Amino acid sequence: MEQKKKSFPRFYFLSNQSLLTILSNGTNPPKVCEFIGDCFDGLKSIIFNPAASVNEIPKTANALLSKDGEVVPFTVEDFTCDGAVENWLSRLEQKMRHTLYEVLDQSKATSDFWDNIDGKNREDWCADYPSQCALLTT
């Protein structure tokens, strides 16, 4: 377990029981996502695309779901949970950073148009972005 913690340091935030559950269900991403909030503060889960068949486990996600219920769609492409669990969680962390960077960049670009004749007012603009991105941009 120590090797797994070294390869994905956020495992240090988990109890040994939770870590064992994650490692034993590494090929079942929805089961792993029950513990994802313990690894990432503010994140509740990721939203999976429906599986191709009833017996198939969904492995492709299209958005982040915060603990407050906000949905942040991934930019560019969906995320696939494949390989060793510590590897795809590391890739997920990079995907989250990239997605939030893109959302923040877009929010900054559109904030220049607050209260313009053609732009949205600030309250409506805030509803277009995740709370933390809107707060940081403001």
N, C-alpha and C. Protein backbone atom coordinates (compact mmCIF):
# COMPACT_ATOMS: atom_id res chain seq x y z
N MET A 1 0.83 -1.20 0.00
CA MET A 1 0.00 0.00 0.00
C MET A 1 0.87 1.26 0.00
N GLU A 2 2.03 1.15 0.60
CA GLU A 2 2.92 2.31 0.64
C GLU A 2 3.36 2.72 -0.77
N GLN A 3 3.58 1.74 -1.64
CA GLN A 3 3.96 2.04 -3.03
C GLN A 3 2.83 2.75 -3.76
N LYS A 4 1.62 2.32 -3.50
CA LYS A 4 0.46 2.97 -4.13
C LYS A 4 0.33 4.41 -3.64
N LYS A 5 0.57 4.64 -2.36
CA LYS A 5 0.51 5.99 -1.80
C LYS A 5 1.61 6.88 -2.39
N LYS A 6 2.77 6.30 -2.64
CA LYS A 6 3.85 7.08 -3.25
C LYS A 6 3.53 7.45 -4.70
N SER A 7 2.85 6.55 -5.41
CA SER A 7 2.52 6.83 -6.80
C SER A 7 1.34 7.80 -6.94
N PHE A 8 0.47 7.84 -5.93
CA PHE A 8 -0.64 8.80 -5.92
C PHE A 8 -0.76 9.34 -4.49
N PRO A 9 -0.04 10.43 -4.18
CA PRO A 9 0.05 10.91 -2.80
C PRO A 9 -1.28 11.25 -2.12
N ARG A 10 -2.32 11.49 -2.88
CA ARG A 10 -3.61 11.79 -2.26
C ARG A 10 -4.20 10.58 -1.53
N PHE A 11 -3.64 9.41 -1.78
CA PHE A 11 -4.06 8.22 -1.03
C PHE A 11 -3.70 8.35 0.46
N TYR A 12 -2.76 9.22 0.79
CA TYR A 12 -2.41 9.42 2.20
C TYR A 12 -3.58 10.01 2.99
N PHE A 13 -4.53 10.64 2.32
CA PHE A 13 -5.69 11.22 3.00
C PHE A 13 -6.73 10.17 3.37
N LEU A 14 -6.57 8.96 2.88
CA LEU A 14 -7.56 7.90 3.07
C LEU A 14 -7.17 6.96 4.20
N SER A 15 -8.18 6.36 4.80
CA SER A 15 -7.91 5.30 5.78
C SER A 15 -7.44 4.06 5.02
N ASN A 16 -6.79 3.15 5.71
CA ASN A 16 -6.34 1.91 5.07
C ASN A 16 -7.52 1.11 4.53
N GLN A 17 -8.63 1.12 5.25
CA GLN A 17 -9.85 0.43 4.80
C GLN A 17 -10.35 1.00 3.47
N SER A 18 -10.42 2.32 3.39
CA SER A 18 -10.87 2.96 2.15
C SER A 18 -9.90 2.69 1.01
N LEU A 19 -8.62 2.77 1.30
CA LEU A 19 -7.62 2.51 0.26
C LEU A 19 -7.71 1.08 -0.26
N LEU A 20 -7.91 0.13 0.62
CA LEU A 20 -8.07 -1.26 0.18
C LEU A 20 -9.30 -1.43 -0.70
N THR A 21 -10.37 -0.75 -0.34
CA THR A 21 -11.59 -0.81 -1.15
C THR A 21 -11.35 -0.23 -2.53
N ILE A 22 -10.65 0.90 -2.59
CA ILE A 22 -10.34 1.53 -3.88
C ILE A 22 -9.47 0.61 -4.72
N LEU A 23 -8.42 0.09 -4.13
CA LEU A 23 -7.49 -0.75 -4.89
C LEU A 23 -8.15 -2.04 -5.37
N SER A 24 -9.04 -2.59 -4.59
CA SER A 24 -9.72 -3.83 -5.00
C SER A 24 -10.80 -3.57 -6.05
N ASN A 25 -11.23 -2.31 -6.19
CA ASN A 25 -12.25 -1.96 -7.18
C ASN A 25 -11.69 -1.04 -8.26
N GLY A 26 -10.40 -1.12 -8.52
CA GLY A 26 -9.75 -0.22 -9.47
C GLY A 26 -10.31 -0.27 -10.87
N THR A 27 -10.89 -1.39 -11.26
CA THR A 27 -11.47 -1.51 -12.60
C THR A 27 -12.95 -1.14 -12.62
N ASN A 28 -13.47 -0.69 -11.48
CA ASN A 28 -14.87 -0.27 -11.36
C ASN A 28 -14.89 1.20 -10.93
N PRO A 29 -14.70 2.13 -11.89
CA PRO A 29 -14.59 3.54 -11.54
C PRO A 29 -15.75 4.12 -10.73
N PRO A 30 -17.02 3.75 -10.99
CA PRO A 30 -18.08 4.29 -10.13
C PRO A 30 -17.92 3.91 -8.66
N LYS A 31 -17.41 2.72 -8.39
CA LYS A 31 -17.17 2.29 -7.02
C LYS A 31 -16.02 3.09 -6.39
N VAL A 32 -14.98 3.34 -7.17
CA VAL A 32 -13.85 4.15 -6.70
C VAL A 32 -14.30 5.57 -6.40
N CYS A 33 -15.21 6.08 -7.21
CA CYS A 33 -15.65 7.48 -7.06
C CYS A 33 -16.45 7.71 -5.78
N GLU A 34 -16.85 6.66 -5.11
CA GLU A 34 -17.49 6.84 -3.81
C GLU A 34 -16.51 7.45 -2.80
N PHE A 35 -15.22 7.29 -3.03
CA PHE A 35 -14.18 7.77 -2.13
C PHE A 35 -13.43 8.98 -2.67
N ILE A 36 -13.82 9.45 -3.84
CA ILE A 36 -13.06 10.51 -4.49
C ILE A 36 -13.10 11.82 -3.72
N GLY A 37 -14.18 12.04 -2.99
CA GLY A 37 -14.29 13.24 -2.17
C GLY A 37 -13.30 13.28 -1.03
N ASP A 38 -12.80 12.12 -0.62
CA ASP A 38 -11.78 12.06 0.42
C ASP A 38 -10.40 12.43 -0.13
N CYS A 39 -10.23 12.25 -1.43
CA CYS A 39 -8.96 12.58 -2.08
C CYS A 39 -8.91 14.02 -2.56
N PHE A 40 -10.04 14.54 -3.01
CA PHE A 40 -10.10 15.89 -3.58
C PHE A 40 -11.14 16.70 -2.83
N ASP A 41 -10.70 17.74 -2.17
CA ASP A 41 -11.61 18.59 -1.41
C ASP A 41 -12.56 19.31 -2.36
N GLY A 42 -13.83 19.27 -2.08
CA GLY A 42 -14.83 19.96 -2.90
C GLY A 42 -15.40 19.11 -4.01
N LEU A 43 -14.78 17.98 -4.32
CA LEU A 43 -15.28 17.12 -5.39
C LEU A 43 -16.07 15.97 -4.79
N LYS A 44 -17.27 15.77 -5.33
CA LYS A 44 -18.10 14.66 -4.86
C LYS A 44 -17.89 13.42 -5.72
N SER A 45 -17.87 13.63 -7.03
CA SER A 45 -17.74 12.50 -7.94
C SER A 45 -17.45 13.03 -9.34
N ILE A 46 -17.38 12.13 -10.28
CA ILE A 46 -17.36 12.50 -11.68
C ILE A 46 -18.60 11.89 -12.32
N ILE A 47 -19.08 12.52 -13.36
CA ILE A 47 -20.30 12.07 -14.02
C ILE A 47 -19.92 11.21 -15.21
N PHE A 48 -20.40 9.97 -15.19
CA PHE A 48 -20.04 9.01 -16.23
C PHE A 48 -21.05 9.04 -17.37
N ASN A 49 -20.53 8.79 -18.58
CA ASN A 49 -21.40 8.55 -19.73
C ASN A 49 -22.06 7.20 -19.54
N PRO A 50 -23.26 7.01 -20.05
CA PRO A 50 -23.90 5.69 -19.91
C PRO A 50 -23.06 4.60 -20.58
N ALA A 51 -23.07 3.43 -19.99
CA ALA A 51 -22.35 2.29 -20.56
C ALA A 51 -23.04 1.81 -21.82
N ALA A 52 -22.29 1.16 -22.67
CA ALA A 52 -22.83 0.68 -23.94
C ALA A 52 -23.87 -0.42 -23.74
N SER A 53 -23.67 -1.25 -22.72
CA SER A 53 -24.64 -2.30 -22.43
C SER A 53 -24.93 -2.33 -20.94
N VAL A 54 -25.96 -3.06 -20.57
CA VAL A 54 -26.39 -3.12 -19.18
C VAL A 54 -25.33 -3.76 -18.29
N ASN A 55 -24.62 -4.76 -18.79
CA ASN A 55 -23.64 -5.48 -18.00
C ASN A 55 -22.27 -4.81 -17.96
N GLU A 56 -22.11 -3.73 -18.72
CA GLU A 56 -20.83 -3.04 -18.79
C GLU A 56 -20.72 -1.96 -17.72
N ILE A 57 -19.54 -1.80 -17.17
CA ILE A 57 -19.28 -0.76 -16.16
C ILE A 57 -18.87 0.51 -16.89
N PRO A 58 -19.51 1.65 -16.59
CA PRO A 58 -19.12 2.89 -17.27
C PRO A 58 -17.70 3.29 -16.87
N LYS A 59 -16.91 3.67 -17.87
CA LYS A 59 -15.52 4.06 -17.62
C LYS A 59 -15.16 5.40 -18.22
N THR A 60 -16.10 6.04 -18.89
CA THR A 60 -15.84 7.33 -19.52
C THR A 60 -16.68 8.39 -18.83
N ALA A 61 -16.02 9.45 -18.38
CA ALA A 61 -16.71 10.53 -17.66
C ALA A 61 -16.69 11.79 -18.50
N ASN A 62 -17.72 12.62 -18.32
CA ASN A 62 -17.81 13.85 -19.09
C ASN A 62 -17.84 15.11 -18.25
N ALA A 63 -17.87 14.98 -16.91
CA ALA A 63 -17.95 16.18 -16.07
C ALA A 63 -17.55 15.87 -14.63
N LEU A 64 -17.27 16.93 -13.91
CA LEU A 64 -17.00 16.88 -12.48
C LEU A 64 -18.26 17.27 -11.74
N LEU A 65 -18.49 16.68 -10.57
CA LEU A 65 -19.63 17.04 -9.74
C LEU A 65 -19.10 17.47 -8.38
N SER A 66 -19.36 18.71 -8.01
CA SER A 66 -18.86 19.22 -6.73
C SER A 66 -19.76 18.78 -5.59
N LYS A 67 -19.25 18.95 -4.37
CA LYS A 67 -20.04 18.61 -3.19
C LYS A 67 -21.23 19.55 -3.03
N ASP A 68 -21.18 20.70 -3.71
CA ASP A 68 -22.29 21.66 -3.68
C ASP A 68 -23.29 21.43 -4.80
N GLY A 69 -23.04 20.42 -5.64
CA GLY A 69 -23.97 20.12 -6.72
C GLY A 69 -23.65 20.80 -8.04
N GLU A 70 -22.56 21.55 -8.12
CA GLU A 70 -22.19 22.18 -9.38
C GLU A 70 -21.61 21.14 -10.32
N VAL A 71 -21.96 21.25 -11.58
CA VAL A 71 -21.44 20.37 -12.61
C VAL A 71 -20.50 21.18 -13.50
N VAL A 72 -19.28 20.67 -13.67
CA VAL A 72 -18.29 21.32 -14.52
C VAL A 72 -17.92 20.33 -15.63
N PRO A 73 -18.43 20.57 -16.85
CA PRO A 73 -18.11 19.65 -17.96
C PRO A 73 -16.63 19.72 -18.30
N PHE A 74 -16.06 18.57 -18.67
CA PHE A 74 -14.67 18.55 -19.11
C PHE A 74 -14.56 19.30 -20.42
N THR A 75 -13.47 20.03 -20.57
CA THR A 75 -13.22 20.73 -21.83
C THR A 75 -12.50 19.77 -22.77
N VAL A 76 -12.59 20.01 -24.00
CA VAL A 76 -11.94 19.30 -25.10
C VAL A 76 -12.51 17.89 -25.30
N GLU A 77 -12.31 16.96 -24.37
CA GLU A 77 -12.79 15.59 -24.57
C GLU A 77 -13.13 14.95 -23.24
N ASP A 78 -13.85 13.84 -23.32
CA ASP A 78 -14.20 13.09 -22.11
C ASP A 78 -12.96 12.43 -21.52
N PHE A 79 -13.10 11.97 -20.28
CA PHE A 79 -12.01 11.32 -19.57
C PHE A 79 -12.31 9.84 -19.45
N THR A 80 -11.32 9.00 -19.75
CA THR A 80 -11.48 7.55 -19.66
C THR A 80 -10.68 7.02 -18.47
N CYS A 81 -11.35 6.26 -17.63
CA CYS A 81 -10.73 5.65 -16.45
C CYS A 81 -10.24 4.26 -16.84
N ASP A 82 -8.99 4.16 -17.24
CA ASP A 82 -8.44 2.86 -17.60
C ASP A 82 -7.03 2.72 -17.05
N GLY A 83 -6.61 1.48 -16.88
CA GLY A 83 -5.30 1.20 -16.31
C GLY A 83 -5.38 1.07 -14.80
N ALA A 84 -4.22 1.14 -14.16
CA ALA A 84 -4.16 1.05 -12.71
C ALA A 84 -4.86 2.25 -12.09
N VAL A 85 -5.57 2.04 -11.00
CA VAL A 85 -6.39 3.08 -10.39
C VAL A 85 -5.56 4.31 -10.01
N GLU A 86 -4.35 4.11 -9.49
CA GLU A 86 -3.52 5.26 -9.11
C GLU A 86 -3.09 6.07 -10.34
N ASN A 87 -2.95 5.39 -11.48
CA ASN A 87 -2.58 6.09 -12.71
C ASN A 87 -3.73 6.90 -13.27
N TRP A 88 -4.94 6.30 -13.31
CA TRP A 88 -6.04 7.08 -13.88
C TRP A 88 -6.49 8.18 -12.92
N LEU A 89 -6.30 8.00 -11.62
CA LEU A 89 -6.61 9.10 -10.69
C LEU A 89 -5.61 10.24 -10.87
N SER A 90 -4.36 9.94 -11.15
CA SER A 90 -3.37 10.99 -11.43
C SER A 90 -3.73 11.73 -12.72
N ARG A 91 -4.14 10.98 -13.73
CA ARG A 91 -4.57 11.61 -14.98
C ARG A 91 -5.83 12.44 -14.77
N LEU A 92 -6.73 11.96 -13.91
CA LEU A 92 -7.93 12.71 -13.59
C LEU A 92 -7.58 14.03 -12.93
N GLU A 93 -6.62 14.01 -12.02
CA GLU A 93 -6.19 15.24 -11.37
C GLU A 93 -5.67 16.25 -12.40
N GLN A 94 -4.88 15.78 -13.36
CA GLN A 94 -4.39 16.67 -14.41
C GLN A 94 -5.54 17.18 -15.29
N LYS A 95 -6.49 16.31 -15.58
CA LYS A 95 -7.66 16.71 -16.37
C LYS A 95 -8.47 17.77 -15.64
N MET A 96 -8.64 17.60 -14.32
CA MET A 96 -9.37 18.58 -13.52
C MET A 96 -8.66 19.93 -13.57
N ARG A 97 -7.35 19.93 -13.40
CA ARG A 97 -6.59 21.17 -13.43
C ARG A 97 -6.73 21.86 -14.78
N HIS A 98 -6.60 21.07 -15.84
CA HIS A 98 -6.71 21.64 -17.19
C HIS A 98 -8.11 22.21 -17.42
N THR A 99 -9.11 21.47 -17.02
CA THR A 99 -10.50 21.91 -17.21
C THR A 99 -10.76 23.20 -16.44
N LEU A 100 -10.36 23.25 -15.18
CA LEU A 100 -10.60 24.45 -14.38
C LEU A 100 -9.79 25.63 -14.89
N TYR A 101 -8.60 25.37 -15.42
CA TYR A 101 -7.81 26.45 -16.03
C TYR A 101 -8.56 27.02 -17.23
N GLU A 102 -9.09 26.14 -18.07
CA GLU A 102 -9.83 26.59 -19.26
C GLU A 102 -11.09 27.38 -18.86
N VAL A 103 -11.82 26.89 -17.87
CA VAL A 103 -13.02 27.59 -17.40
C VAL A 103 -12.65 28.95 -16.83
N LEU A 104 -11.58 28.99 -16.05
CA LEU A 104 -11.12 30.26 -15.47
C LEU A 104 -10.68 31.23 -16.55
N ASP A 105 -9.98 30.73 -17.54
CA ASP A 105 -9.55 31.58 -18.66
C ASP A 105 -10.75 32.15 -19.41
N GLN A 106 -11.76 31.31 -19.63
CA GLN A 106 -12.97 31.78 -20.32
C GLN A 106 -13.73 32.79 -19.46
N SER A 107 -13.80 32.53 -18.16
CA SER A 107 -14.52 33.47 -17.29
C SER A 107 -13.82 34.82 -17.26
N LYS A 108 -12.50 34.82 -17.27
CA LYS A 108 -11.76 36.08 -17.28
C LYS A 108 -12.01 36.83 -18.58
N ALA A 109 -12.01 36.10 -19.69
CA ALA A 109 -12.23 36.74 -20.99
C ALA A 109 -13.62 37.35 -21.09
N THR A 110 -14.62 36.69 -20.53
CA THR A 110 -15.99 37.22 -20.63
C THR A 110 -16.31 38.26 -19.56
N SER A 111 -15.49 38.33 -18.51
CA SER A 111 -15.76 39.30 -17.45
C SER A 111 -15.56 40.74 -17.91
N ASP A 112 -14.82 40.91 -18.96
CA ASP A 112 -14.59 42.26 -19.49
C ASP A 112 -15.87 42.89 -20.04
N PHE A 113 -16.90 42.10 -20.24
CA PHE A 113 -18.13 42.60 -20.85
C PHE A 113 -19.27 42.79 -19.86
N TRP A 114 -18.97 42.77 -18.55
CA TRP A 114 -20.01 43.03 -17.57
C TRP A 114 -20.66 44.37 -17.84
N ASP A 115 -21.94 44.37 -17.76
CA ASP A 115 -22.72 45.60 -17.82
C ASP A 115 -22.52 46.42 -19.10
N ASN A 116 -21.93 45.81 -20.14
CA ASN A 116 -21.92 46.47 -21.44
C ASN A 116 -23.32 46.39 -22.02
N ILE A 117 -23.55 47.15 -23.03
CA ILE A 117 -24.87 47.13 -23.66
C ILE A 117 -25.16 45.74 -24.20
N ASP A 118 -24.19 45.09 -24.80
CA ASP A 118 -24.39 43.75 -25.37
C ASP A 118 -24.05 42.63 -24.39
N GLY A 119 -23.41 42.95 -23.27
CA GLY A 119 -22.98 41.93 -22.32
C GLY A 119 -24.03 41.62 -21.27
N LYS A 120 -23.74 40.64 -20.45
CA LYS A 120 -24.63 40.26 -19.36
C LYS A 120 -24.31 41.11 -18.14
N ASN A 121 -25.30 41.24 -17.26
CA ASN A 121 -24.98 41.88 -15.99
C ASN A 121 -24.18 40.90 -15.14
N ARG A 122 -23.58 41.38 -14.10
CA ARG A 122 -22.66 40.57 -13.31
C ARG A 122 -23.33 39.36 -12.67
N GLU A 123 -24.55 39.52 -12.18
CA GLU A 123 -25.25 38.41 -11.53
C GLU A 123 -25.52 37.26 -12.51
N ASP A 124 -25.94 37.60 -13.73
CA ASP A 124 -26.18 36.57 -14.74
C ASP A 124 -24.87 35.93 -15.18
N TRP A 125 -23.81 36.72 -15.28
CA TRP A 125 -22.50 36.20 -15.64
C TRP A 125 -22.03 35.17 -14.61
N CYS A 126 -22.22 35.46 -13.33
CA CYS A 126 -21.78 34.55 -12.26
C CYS A 126 -22.44 33.18 -12.38
N ALA A 127 -23.66 33.13 -12.84
CA ALA A 127 -24.38 31.86 -12.96
C ALA A 127 -23.81 30.98 -14.07
N ASP A 128 -23.02 31.56 -14.96
CA ASP A 128 -22.45 30.80 -16.08
C ASP A 128 -21.20 30.01 -15.72
N TYR A 129 -20.66 30.25 -14.52
CA TYR A 129 -19.38 29.65 -14.15
C TYR A 129 -19.44 29.02 -12.77
N PRO A 130 -18.56 28.03 -12.52
CA PRO A 130 -18.50 27.47 -11.15
C PRO A 130 -18.18 28.58 -10.15
N SER A 131 -18.70 28.44 -8.95
CA SER A 131 -18.59 29.50 -7.94
C SER A 131 -17.16 29.94 -7.69
N GLN A 132 -16.24 29.01 -7.52
CA GLN A 132 -14.86 29.37 -7.22
C GLN A 132 -14.20 30.11 -8.40
N CYS A 133 -14.51 29.71 -9.63
CA CYS A 133 -13.96 30.41 -10.78
C CYS A 133 -14.53 31.82 -10.89
N ALA A 134 -15.84 31.97 -10.64
CA ALA A 134 -16.47 33.30 -10.68
C ALA A 134 -15.89 34.18 -9.58
N LEU A 135 -15.69 33.61 -8.39
CA LEU A 135 -15.12 34.37 -7.28
C LEU A 135 -13.70 34.81 -7.59
N LEU A 136 -12.89 33.93 -8.10
CA LEU A 136 -11.50 34.26 -8.43
C LEU A 136 -11.44 35.31 -9.53
N THR A 137 -12.28 35.17 -10.53
CA THR A 137 -12.29 36.15 -11.62
C THR A 137 -12.72 37.51 -11.11
N THR A 138 -13.72 37.52 -10.25
CA THR A 138 -14.20 38.79 -9.69
C THR A 138 -13.11 39.47 -8.90
